[in-house]
Amino acid sequence: MPETDSVDQPPVPSGESLLRSRKRRWLRILLWTAGGLVALLLIVVAVIVLWLRAAEKAALSVLDGDVHIAGLSARVTVRRDVHGVPHIETAT
């Protein structure tokens, strides 16, 4: 049987176009990897910032509200001035 060119076969790329397609492929892989690393870095930074904000808020003392302590015979009031200095007032 004689050999004939098939219409279904793609043309064989030349050496120069093969080199160009390999460069584009590596460039595409490099860009996707860099983009993925930047996205991962942004996610890690956001998680750290949210964790630090939550830890900072949990470390603050409670300034409002009522606390009932056994052993006190009268009402005790703690007020803070504009500088944050506590002033304690009690009946006894």
Protein backbone atom coordinates (compact mmCIF):
# COMPACT_ATOMS: atom_id res chain seq x y z
CA MET A 1 0.00 0.00 0.00
CA PRO A 2 1.45 3.37 -0.93
CA GLU A 3 1.99 5.95 1.80
CA THR A 4 -0.28 8.95 1.55
CA ASP A 5 -0.55 12.06 3.63
CA SER A 6 -3.50 11.92 5.94
CA VAL A 7 -5.65 14.97 6.39
CA ASP A 8 -6.21 14.14 10.08
CA GLN A 9 -2.55 14.40 11.07
CA PRO A 10 -1.35 17.78 12.36
CA PRO A 11 1.69 19.29 10.69
CA VAL A 12 5.01 18.59 12.37
CA PRO A 13 6.24 21.78 14.03
CA SER A 14 9.60 23.13 13.02
CA GLY A 15 12.43 23.45 15.55
CA GLU A 16 11.95 27.19 16.02
CA SER A 17 8.19 27.04 16.62
CA LEU A 18 8.67 24.09 19.01
CA LEU A 19 11.19 26.12 21.02
CA ARG A 20 8.80 29.09 21.08
CA SER A 21 5.90 26.94 22.31
CA ARG A 22 8.10 25.46 25.05
CA LYS A 23 9.10 28.95 26.21
CA ARG A 24 5.47 30.03 26.30
CA ARG A 25 4.54 26.90 28.25
CA TRP A 26 7.24 27.55 30.87
CA LEU A 27 6.28 31.22 31.06
CA ARG A 28 2.64 30.25 31.60
CA ILE A 29 3.60 27.74 34.32
CA LEU A 30 5.84 30.32 35.99
CA LEU A 31 3.12 33.00 35.96
CA TRP A 32 0.47 30.64 37.35
CA THR A 33 2.86 29.50 40.09
CA ALA A 34 3.76 33.09 41.00
CA GLY A 35 0.08 34.07 41.04
CA GLY A 36 -0.77 31.11 43.25
CA LEU A 37 2.00 31.96 45.69
CA VAL A 38 0.88 35.60 45.87
CA ALA A 39 -2.72 34.51 46.52
CA LEU A 40 -1.56 32.07 49.21
CA LEU A 41 0.56 34.78 50.82
CA LEU A 42 -2.41 37.18 50.88
CA ILE A 43 -4.61 34.54 52.52
CA VAL A 44 -1.96 33.80 55.17
CA VAL A 45 -1.51 37.51 55.93
CA ALA A 46 -5.29 38.00 56.25
CA VAL A 47 -5.59 35.05 58.65
CA ILE A 48 -2.71 36.36 60.78
CA VAL A 49 -4.21 39.86 60.92
CA LEU A 50 -7.63 38.52 61.94
CA TRP A 51 -6.05 36.27 64.59
CA LEU A 52 -4.03 39.17 66.03
CA ARG A 53 -7.11 41.40 66.18
CA ALA A 54 -9.05 38.71 68.02
CA ALA A 55 -6.16 38.11 70.44
CA GLU A 56 -5.81 41.84 71.07
CA LYS A 57 -9.51 42.24 71.78
CA ALA A 58 -9.53 39.23 74.14
CA ALA A 59 -6.61 40.69 76.12
CA LEU A 60 -8.45 43.92 76.96
CA SER A 61 -10.03 44.21 80.38
CA VAL A 62 -13.79 44.59 80.75
CA LEU A 63 -14.69 48.19 81.64
CA ASP A 64 -18.48 47.95 81.67
CA GLY A 65 -20.85 45.73 83.58
CA ASP A 66 -21.47 44.42 87.09
CA VAL A 67 -19.33 41.98 89.02
CA HIS A 68 -20.62 40.30 92.17
CA ILE A 69 -17.85 39.41 94.63
CA ALA A 70 -18.46 37.50 97.87
CA GLY A 71 -17.26 39.30 101.00
CA LEU A 72 -18.26 42.85 100.12
CA SER A 73 -20.74 44.36 102.57
CA ALA A 74 -21.61 47.50 100.60
CA ARG A 75 -21.78 48.66 97.03
CA VAL A 76 -18.44 49.47 95.38
CA THR A 77 -18.20 51.74 92.33
CA VAL A 78 -15.13 51.98 90.15
CA ARG A 79 -15.00 54.98 87.83
CA ARG A 80 -12.27 56.00 85.42
CA ASP A 81 -11.32 59.58 84.68
CA VAL A 82 -10.40 60.94 81.25
CA HIS A 83 -6.86 59.59 81.63
CA GLY A 84 -8.06 56.07 82.46
CA VAL A 85 -7.09 56.21 86.16
CA PRO A 86 -9.54 54.17 88.26
CA HIS A 87 -11.26 55.82 91.26
CA ILE A 88 -12.89 53.45 93.76
CA GLU A 89 -15.89 54.62 95.83
CA THR A 90 -17.49 52.56 98.57
CA ALA A 91 -19.68 53.09 101.65
CA THR A 92 -17.39 51.34 104.14
